[in-house]
Amino acid sequence: MLSKSVRLFVFSVVIFVLFCDTPVICQDQDAQLWTSLSIEAKLVKKLSANVSQELRFNENMTEAGTIYSDIGLEYKINKYFQVAVNYRFVEKRRKDNYYSFRQRMYVDIKYEKKLKPIKIQLRCRIQDEYADIGRDSDGGIAEYYLRNKFSLKWDTEKPITPYLSVELFTPLNSPWYGAFDNIRAATGIEYAFSKHHKIDVFYMIQKEFNVSRPETDFVVGLGYSFKL
């Protein structure tokens, strides 16, 4: 008989499949490719630094839509909780083919619990972003978001780790308090070549809500991470 954690994982897979199968009406759609490279280094006990670079291709994977450059610190409070502070510089392609330059700060609070063979991960992120400071009439006005992410990982103690995740984006400066305007649902596989090298391959559906012209993105992702 399947354990409770396994049944929970299977149930989540079913929910994800149903989500992916939902028809999209009156929405823009796009196929995208997201690639990333990250490096993590331990500074002292419980404290590590990380840098990462990400390139996202949109318009059916034909143009470099967004470029992210991240740097941050992460502190492990105990075996369950971690906190991280990051700075991100963003170059986002506009419809006129110029790039919008943005700066983002965000704080993550992470929780992790192992219920073999499932690993549960929760992440709460608060972020603010400033776009086109001094360039546009509305440049420099901060956008605040609360982003909650829930992940299930199949903890097999082997190099391959399948997972599912769902993330909700809630704009904090929206007149509709508590409403979200974006949701991401993903399934993927992490493969650890060693304790230093790991790749992440995933498929994700991203949907916008509560906006005038919502978009649905079908994303294939490939990431590589190196831990010093």
C-alpha atoms as a PDB file:
ATOM      1  CA  MET A   1       0.000   0.000   0.000  1.00  0.00           C
ATOM      2  CA  LEU A   2       1.285   3.452  -0.901  1.00  0.00           C
ATOM      3  CA  SER A   3       2.392   5.693   1.930  1.00  0.00           C
ATOM      4  CA  LYS A   4       0.631   8.978   2.597  1.00  0.00           C
ATOM      5  CA  SER A   5       3.523  11.007   1.154  1.00  0.00           C
ATOM      6  CA  VAL A   6       3.561   8.954  -2.059  1.00  0.00           C
ATOM      7  CA  ARG A   7      -0.201   9.392  -2.478  1.00  0.00           C
ATOM      8  CA  LEU A   8       0.248  13.118  -1.970  1.00  0.00           C
ATOM      9  CA  PHE A   9       2.894  13.186  -4.684  1.00  0.00           C
ATOM     10  CA  VAL A  10       0.694  11.220  -7.127  1.00  0.00           C
ATOM     11  CA  PHE A  11      -2.249  13.502  -6.379  1.00  0.00           C
ATOM     12  CA  SER A  12      -0.089  16.530  -7.140  1.00  0.00           C
ATOM     13  CA  VAL A  13       0.947  14.990 -10.473  1.00  0.00           C
ATOM     14  CA  VAL A  14      -2.715  14.547 -11.400  1.00  0.00           C
ATOM     15  CA  ILE A  15      -3.493  18.159 -10.476  1.00  0.00           C
ATOM     16  CA  PHE A  16      -0.551  19.339 -12.591  1.00  0.00           C
ATOM     17  CA  VAL A  17      -1.724  17.315 -15.622  1.00  0.00           C
ATOM     18  CA  LEU A  18      -5.229  18.727 -15.297  1.00  0.00           C
ATOM     19  CA  PHE A  19      -3.798  22.241 -15.057  1.00  0.00           C
ATOM     20  CA  CYS A  20      -1.742  21.723 -18.202  1.00  0.00           C
ATOM     21  CA  ASP A  21      -4.771  20.376 -20.040  1.00  0.00           C
ATOM     22  CA  THR A  22      -6.936  23.422 -19.343  1.00  0.00           C
ATOM     23  CA  PRO A  23      -7.913  25.144 -22.616  1.00  0.00           C
ATOM     24  CA  VAL A  24      -6.699  28.702 -23.113  1.00  0.00           C
ATOM     25  CA  ILE A  25      -9.268  31.131 -24.517  1.00  0.00           C
ATOM     26  CA  CYS A  26      -8.571  34.706 -25.714  1.00  0.00           C
ATOM     27  CA  GLN A  27      -4.981  34.656 -24.576  1.00  0.00           C
ATOM     28  CA  ASP A  28      -1.597  35.221 -26.175  1.00  0.00           C
ATOM     29  CA  GLN A  29       0.600  32.140 -26.185  1.00  0.00           C
ATOM     30  CA  ASP A  30       4.342  31.720 -26.511  1.00  0.00           C
ATOM     31  CA  ALA A  31       6.931  28.933 -26.441  1.00  0.00           C
ATOM     32  CA  GLN A  32      10.039  29.836 -24.464  1.00  0.00           C
ATOM     33  CA  LEU A  33      13.445  28.478 -23.523  1.00  0.00           C
ATOM     34  CA  TRP A  34      14.986  29.406 -20.165  1.00  0.00           C
ATOM     35  CA  THR A  35      18.677  28.709 -19.529  1.00  0.00           C
ATOM     36  CA  SER A  36      20.688  29.404 -16.388  1.00  0.00           C
ATOM     37  CA  LEU A  37      24.132  29.037 -14.847  1.00  0.00           C
ATOM     38  CA  SER A  38      24.744  29.396 -11.109  1.00  0.00           C
ATOM     39  CA  ILE A  39      27.709  29.125  -8.755  1.00  0.00           C
ATOM     40  CA  GLU A  40      27.517  28.732  -4.979  1.00  0.00           C
ATOM     41  CA  ALA A  41      30.402  29.118  -2.545  1.00  0.00           C
ATOM     42  CA  LYS A  42      30.437  28.525   1.204  1.00  0.00           C
ATOM     43  CA  LEU A  43      31.861  31.534   3.046  1.00  0.00           C
ATOM     44  CA  VAL A  44      31.650  30.406   6.660  1.00  0.00           C
ATOM     45  CA  LYS A  45      29.573  27.862   8.540  1.00  0.00           C
ATOM     46  CA  LYS A  46      25.881  28.196   7.559  1.00  0.00           C
ATOM     47  CA  LEU A  47      26.576  31.177   5.265  1.00  0.00           C
ATOM     48  CA  SER A  48      27.044  30.902   1.490  1.00  0.00           C
ATOM     49  CA  ALA A  49      27.227  33.271  -1.463  1.00  0.00           C
ATOM     50  CA  ASN A  50      25.822  32.689  -4.933  1.00  0.00           C
ATOM     51  CA  VAL A  51      25.956  34.278  -8.353  1.00  0.00           C
ATOM     52  CA  SER A  52      23.844  33.300 -11.334  1.00  0.00           C
ATOM     53  CA  GLN A  53      23.178  34.270 -14.924  1.00  0.00           C
ATOM     54  CA  GLU A  54      19.960  33.498 -16.763  1.00  0.00           C
ATOM     55  CA  LEU A  55      18.927  33.979 -20.379  1.00  0.00           C
ATOM     56  CA  ARG A  56      15.300  33.526 -21.422  1.00  0.00           C
ATOM     57  CA  PHE A  57      14.329  33.187 -25.079  1.00  0.00           C
ATOM     58  CA  ASN A  58      10.774  34.096 -26.083  1.00  0.00           C
ATOM     59  CA  GLU A  59       8.800  34.649 -29.322  1.00  0.00           C
ATOM     60  CA  ASN A  60       8.876  30.884 -29.917  1.00  0.00           C
ATOM     61  CA  MET A  61      12.480  30.742 -28.725  1.00  0.00           C
ATOM     62  CA  THR A  62      13.720  33.095 -31.456  1.00  0.00           C
ATOM     63  CA  GLU A  63      14.898  36.142 -29.449  1.00  0.00           C
ATOM     64  CA  ALA A  64      16.657  36.878 -26.182  1.00  0.00           C
ATOM     65  CA  GLY A  65      13.705  38.242 -24.235  1.00  0.00           C
ATOM     66  CA  THR A  66      15.114  38.649 -20.719  1.00  0.00           C
ATOM     67  CA  ILE A  67      18.590  38.551 -19.187  1.00  0.00           C
ATOM     68  CA  TYR A  68      19.017  38.165 -15.421  1.00  0.00           C
ATOM     69  CA  SER A  69      22.179  38.674 -13.353  1.00  0.00           C
ATOM     70  CA  ASP A  70      21.929  37.703  -9.678  1.00  0.00           C
ATOM     71  CA  ILE A  71      24.142  37.934  -6.614  1.00  0.00           C
ATOM     72  CA  GLY A  72      23.136  37.038  -3.076  1.00  0.00           C
ATOM     73  CA  LEU A  73      23.757  35.526   0.344  1.00  0.00           C
ATOM     74  CA  GLU A  74      22.000  32.612   2.038  1.00  0.00           C
ATOM     75  CA  TYR A  75      22.040  31.734   5.742  1.00  0.00           C
ATOM     76  CA  LYS A  76      20.956  28.360   7.118  1.00  0.00           C
ATOM     77  CA  ILE A  77      19.141  28.957  10.398  1.00  0.00           C
ATOM     78  CA  ASN A  78      18.634  25.257  11.191  1.00  0.00           C
ATOM     79  CA  LYS A  79      17.843  22.036   9.318  1.00  0.00           C
ATOM     80  CA  TYR A  80      14.378  23.339   8.415  1.00  0.00           C
ATOM     81  CA  PHE A  81      14.753  27.072   7.720  1.00  0.00           C
ATOM     82  CA  GLN A  82      16.959  29.225   5.512  1.00  0.00           C
ATOM     83  CA  VAL A  83      16.899  32.918   4.676  1.00  0.00           C
ATOM     84  CA  ALA A  84      18.393  34.563   1.579  1.00  0.00           C
ATOM     85  CA  VAL A  85      18.915  38.133   0.342  1.00  0.00           C
ATOM     86  CA  ASN A  86      19.534  38.785  -3.369  1.00  0.00           C
ATOM     87  CA  TYR A  87      20.082  41.606  -5.839  1.00  0.00           C
ATOM     88  CA  ARG A  88      19.076  41.136  -9.478  1.00  0.00           C
ATOM     89  CA  PHE A  89      19.845  43.244 -12.536  1.00  0.00           C
ATOM     90  CA  VAL A  90      17.357  42.692 -15.366  1.00  0.00           C
ATOM     91  CA  GLU A  91      17.450  43.487 -19.071  1.00  0.00           C
ATOM     92  CA  LYS A  92      13.969  42.939 -20.513  1.00  0.00           C
ATOM     93  CA  ARG A  93      13.237  43.280 -24.212  1.00  0.00           C
ATOM     94  CA  ARG A  94      10.431  45.674 -25.065  1.00  0.00           C
ATOM     95  CA  LYS A  95       8.079  45.638 -28.049  1.00  0.00           C
ATOM     96  CA  ASP A  96      10.145  48.352 -29.734  1.00  0.00           C
ATOM     97  CA  ASN A  97      13.170  45.969 -29.519  1.00  0.00           C
ATOM     98  CA  TYR A  98      14.972  48.125 -26.964  1.00  0.00           C
ATOM     99  CA  TYR A  99      15.841  46.699 -23.565  1.00  0.00           C
ATOM    100  CA  SER A 100      14.286  47.936 -20.352  1.00  0.00           C
ATOM    101  CA  PHE A 101      16.811  48.006 -17.492  1.00  0.00           C
ATOM    102  CA  ARG A 102      15.499  46.990 -14.086  1.00  0.00           C
ATOM    103  CA  GLN A 103      16.803  46.473 -10.580  1.00  0.00           C
ATOM    104  CA  ARG A 104      15.289  44.049  -8.113  1.00  0.00           C
ATOM    105  CA  MET A 105      15.857  43.217  -4.472  1.00  0.00           C
ATOM    106  CA  TYR A 106      14.259  40.197  -2.859  1.00  0.00           C
ATOM    107  CA  VAL A 107      14.264  38.275   0.392  1.00  0.00           C
ATOM    108  CA  ASP A 108      13.475  34.557   0.604  1.00  0.00           C
ATOM    109  CA  ILE A 109      12.393  32.549   3.621  1.00  0.00           C
ATOM    110  CA  LYS A 110      12.661  28.821   2.910  1.00  0.00           C
ATOM    111  CA  TYR A 111      11.326  25.807   4.753  1.00  0.00           C
ATOM    112  CA  GLU A 112      12.205  22.182   4.025  1.00  0.00           C
ATOM    113  CA  LYS A 113      10.857  18.980   5.535  1.00  0.00           C
ATOM    114  CA  LYS A 114      11.674  15.377   4.618  1.00  0.00           C
ATOM    115  CA  LEU A 115       8.830  12.855   4.706  1.00  0.00           C
ATOM    116  CA  LYS A 116      10.469   9.963   2.901  1.00  0.00           C
ATOM    117  CA  PRO A 117      10.343   9.431   0.039  1.00  0.00           C
ATOM    118  CA  ILE A 118       9.015  12.989  -0.386  1.00  0.00           C
ATOM    119  CA  LYS A 119      10.823  16.245   0.389  1.00  0.00           C
ATOM    120  CA  ILE A 120       8.528  19.239   0.925  1.00  0.00           C
ATOM    121  CA  GLN A 121       9.854  22.722   0.203  1.00  0.00           C
ATOM    122  CA  LEU A 122       8.104  26.040   0.830  1.00  0.00           C
ATOM    123  CA  ARG A 123       9.495  29.407  -0.192  1.00  0.00           C
ATOM    124  CA  CYS A 124       8.094  32.833   0.606  1.00  0.00           C
ATOM    125  CA  ARG A 125       9.627  35.705  -1.379  1.00  0.00           C
ATOM    126  CA  ILE A 126       9.103  39.437  -0.999  1.00  0.00           C
ATOM    127  CA  GLN A 127      10.535  41.510  -3.831  1.00  0.00           C
ATOM    128  CA  ASP A 128      10.604  45.051  -5.125  1.00  0.00           C
ATOM    129  CA  GLU A 129      11.589  46.074  -8.640  1.00  0.00           C
ATOM    130  CA  TYR A 130      12.432  49.437 -10.204  1.00  0.00           C
ATOM    131  CA  ALA A 131      12.256  49.811 -14.003  1.00  0.00           C
ATOM    132  CA  ASP A 132      13.726  52.449 -16.350  1.00  0.00           C
ATOM    133  CA  ILE A 133      14.792  54.877 -13.662  1.00  0.00           C
ATOM    134  CA  GLY A 134      15.015  58.345 -15.231  1.00  0.00           C
ATOM    135  CA  ARG A 135      14.082  57.107 -18.708  1.00  0.00           C
ATOM    136  CA  ASP A 136      10.282  56.905 -18.762  1.00  0.00           C
ATOM    137  CA  SER A 137       7.601  59.011 -17.095  1.00  0.00           C
ATOM    138  CA  ASP A 138       6.678  56.077 -14.857  1.00  0.00           C
ATOM    139  CA  GLY A 139      10.287  54.917 -14.408  1.00  0.00           C
ATOM    140  CA  GLY A 140      11.518  54.429 -10.867  1.00  0.00           C
ATOM    141  CA  ILE A 141       8.128  53.480  -9.433  1.00  0.00           C
ATOM    142  CA  ALA A 142       8.555  50.321  -7.384  1.00  0.00           C
ATOM    143  CA  GLU A 143       6.524  47.179  -7.954  1.00  0.00           C
ATOM    144  CA  TYR A 144       6.142  44.973  -4.883  1.00  0.00           C
ATOM    145  CA  TYR A 145       5.344  41.278  -5.072  1.00  0.00           C
ATOM    146  CA  LEU A 146       4.755  38.392  -2.704  1.00  0.00           C
ATOM    147  CA  ARG A 147       5.717  35.091  -4.333  1.00  0.00           C
ATOM    148  CA  ASN A 148       4.850  31.818  -2.625  1.00  0.00           C
ATOM    149  CA  LYS A 149       6.281  28.605  -4.053  1.00  0.00           C
ATOM    150  CA  PHE A 150       5.435  25.020  -3.045  1.00  0.00           C
ATOM    151  CA  SER A 151       7.602  22.127  -4.252  1.00  0.00           C
ATOM    152  CA  LEU A 152       7.523  18.349  -3.896  1.00  0.00           C
ATOM    153  CA  LYS A 153      10.683  16.365  -4.592  1.00  0.00           C
ATOM    154  CA  TRP A 154      10.983  12.612  -4.846  1.00  0.00           C
ATOM    155  CA  ASP A 155      13.909  12.012  -2.479  1.00  0.00           C
ATOM    156  CA  THR A 156      15.301   8.766  -3.905  1.00  0.00           C
ATOM    157  CA  GLU A 157      18.858   9.245  -2.563  1.00  0.00           C
ATOM    158  CA  LYS A 158      19.988   8.678  -6.150  1.00  0.00           C
ATOM    159  CA  PRO A 159      21.462  11.123  -8.688  1.00  0.00           C
ATOM    160  CA  ILE A 160      18.037  11.664 -10.293  1.00  0.00           C
ATOM    161  CA  THR A 161      15.428  13.716  -8.379  1.00  0.00           C
ATOM    162  CA  PRO A 162      12.010  14.316 -10.002  1.00  0.00           C
ATOM    163  CA  TYR A 163       9.955  17.236  -8.703  1.00  0.00           C
ATOM    164  CA  LEU A 164       6.805  19.311  -9.042  1.00  0.00           C
ATOM    165  CA  SER A 165       6.305  22.952  -8.109  1.00  0.00           C
ATOM    166  CA  VAL A 166       3.609  25.621  -8.096  1.00  0.00           C
ATOM    167  CA  GLU A 167       4.259  29.341  -7.606  1.00  0.00           C
ATOM    168  CA  LEU A 168       1.799  32.209  -7.117  1.00  0.00           C
ATOM    169  CA  PHE A 169       2.583  35.885  -7.768  1.00  0.00           C
ATOM    170  CA  THR A 170       0.639  38.403  -5.662  1.00  0.00           C
ATOM    171  CA  PRO A 171       1.156  42.138  -6.430  1.00  0.00           C
ATOM    172  CA  LEU A 172       1.278  43.980  -3.109  1.00  0.00           C
ATOM    173  CA  ASN A 173       0.538  47.400  -4.636  1.00  0.00           C
ATOM    174  CA  SER A 174      -2.553  46.143  -6.463  1.00  0.00           C
ATOM    175  CA  PRO A 175      -5.989  47.566  -5.546  1.00  0.00           C
ATOM    176  CA  TRP A 176      -7.261  43.971  -5.380  1.00  0.00           C
ATOM    177  CA  TYR A 177      -5.677  42.805  -2.139  1.00  0.00           C
ATOM    178  CA  GLY A 178      -4.701  39.142  -2.114  1.00  0.00           C
ATOM    179  CA  ALA A 179      -5.371  38.548  -5.822  1.00  0.00           C
ATOM    180  CA  PHE A 180      -2.595  36.940  -7.849  1.00  0.00           C
ATOM    181  CA  ASP A 181      -1.737  37.880 -11.430  1.00  0.00           C
ATOM    182  CA  ASN A 182       0.576  35.021 -12.395  1.00  0.00           C
ATOM    183  CA  ILE A 183       0.905  31.320 -11.674  1.00  0.00           C
ATOM    184  CA  ARG A 184       3.655  28.878 -12.604  1.00  0.00           C
ATOM    185  CA  ALA A 185       3.322  25.098 -12.538  1.00  0.00           C
ATOM    186  CA  ALA A 186       6.403  23.035 -13.343  1.00  0.00           C
ATOM    187  CA  THR A 187       7.658  19.476 -13.406  1.00  0.00           C
ATOM    188  CA  GLY A 188      11.279  18.544 -13.849  1.00  0.00           C
ATOM    189  CA  ILE A 189      14.274  16.396 -13.027  1.00  0.00           C
ATOM    190  CA  GLU A 190      17.471  17.314 -11.214  1.00  0.00           C
ATOM    191  CA  TYR A 191      20.532  15.200 -11.991  1.00  0.00           C
ATOM    192  CA  ALA A 192      23.583  15.407  -9.737  1.00  0.00           C
ATOM    193  CA  PHE A 193      26.795  14.315 -11.442  1.00  0.00           C
ATOM    194  CA  SER A 194      28.592  14.781  -8.122  1.00  0.00           C
ATOM    195  CA  LYS A 195      28.239  16.884  -4.967  1.00  0.00           C
ATOM    196  CA  HIS A 196      29.605  19.827  -6.990  1.00  0.00           C
ATOM    197  CA  HIS A 197      27.814  19.570 -10.359  1.00  0.00           C
ATOM    198  CA  LYS A 198      24.067  19.407 -11.028  1.00  0.00           C
ATOM    199  CA  ILE A 199      21.722  20.047 -13.945  1.00  0.00           C
ATOM    200  CA  ASP A 200      18.018  20.835 -13.882  1.00  0.00           C
ATOM    201  CA  VAL A 201      15.684  20.077 -16.804  1.00  0.00           C
ATOM    202  CA  PHE A 202      12.058  21.150 -16.533  1.00  0.00           C
ATOM    203  CA  TYR A 203       8.823  21.939 -18.333  1.00  0.00           C
ATOM    204  CA  MET A 204       6.647  24.760 -17.053  1.00  0.00           C
ATOM    205  CA  ILE A 205       3.368  26.456 -17.865  1.00  0.00           C
ATOM    206  CA  GLN A 206       3.049  30.090 -16.842  1.00  0.00           C
ATOM    207  CA  LYS A 207      -0.335  31.841 -16.927  1.00  0.00           C
ATOM    208  CA  GLU A 208      -1.267  35.444 -16.294  1.00  0.00           C
ATOM    209  CA  PHE A 209      -4.494  36.419 -14.534  1.00  0.00           C
ATOM    210  CA  ASN A 210      -6.343  39.633 -13.730  1.00  0.00           C
ATOM    211  CA  VAL A 211      -4.618  41.577 -16.527  1.00  0.00           C
ATOM    212  CA  SER A 212      -6.095  43.125 -19.676  1.00  0.00           C
ATOM    213  CA  ARG A 213      -4.383  40.773 -22.134  1.00  0.00           C
ATOM    214  CA  PRO A 214      -3.197  37.640 -20.311  1.00  0.00           C
ATOM    215  CA  GLU A 215      -0.419  35.504 -21.738  1.00  0.00           C
ATOM    216  CA  THR A 216       0.275  31.804 -21.401  1.00  0.00           C
ATOM    217  CA  ASP A 217       3.863  30.632 -21.780  1.00  0.00           C
ATOM    218  CA  PHE A 218       5.010  27.066 -22.402  1.00  0.00           C
ATOM    219  CA  VAL A 219       8.553  26.898 -21.119  1.00  0.00           C
ATOM    220  CA  VAL A 220      11.366  24.392 -21.500  1.00  0.00           C
ATOM    221  CA  GLY A 221      14.194  25.003 -19.054  1.00  0.00           C
ATOM    222  CA  LEU A 222      17.796  23.888 -18.658  1.00  0.00           C
ATOM    223  CA  GLY A 223      19.983  24.936 -15.749  1.00  0.00           C
ATOM    224  CA  TYR A 224      23.465  24.075 -14.541  1.00  0.00           C
ATOM    225  CA  SER A 225      24.721  24.718 -11.010  1.00  0.00           C
ATOM    226  CA  PHE A 226      28.191  24.373  -9.540  1.00  0.00           C
ATOM    227  CA  LYS A 227      28.884  24.263  -5.808  1.00  0.00           C
ATOM    228  CA  LEU A 228      32.415  25.067  -4.653  1.00  0.00           C
END
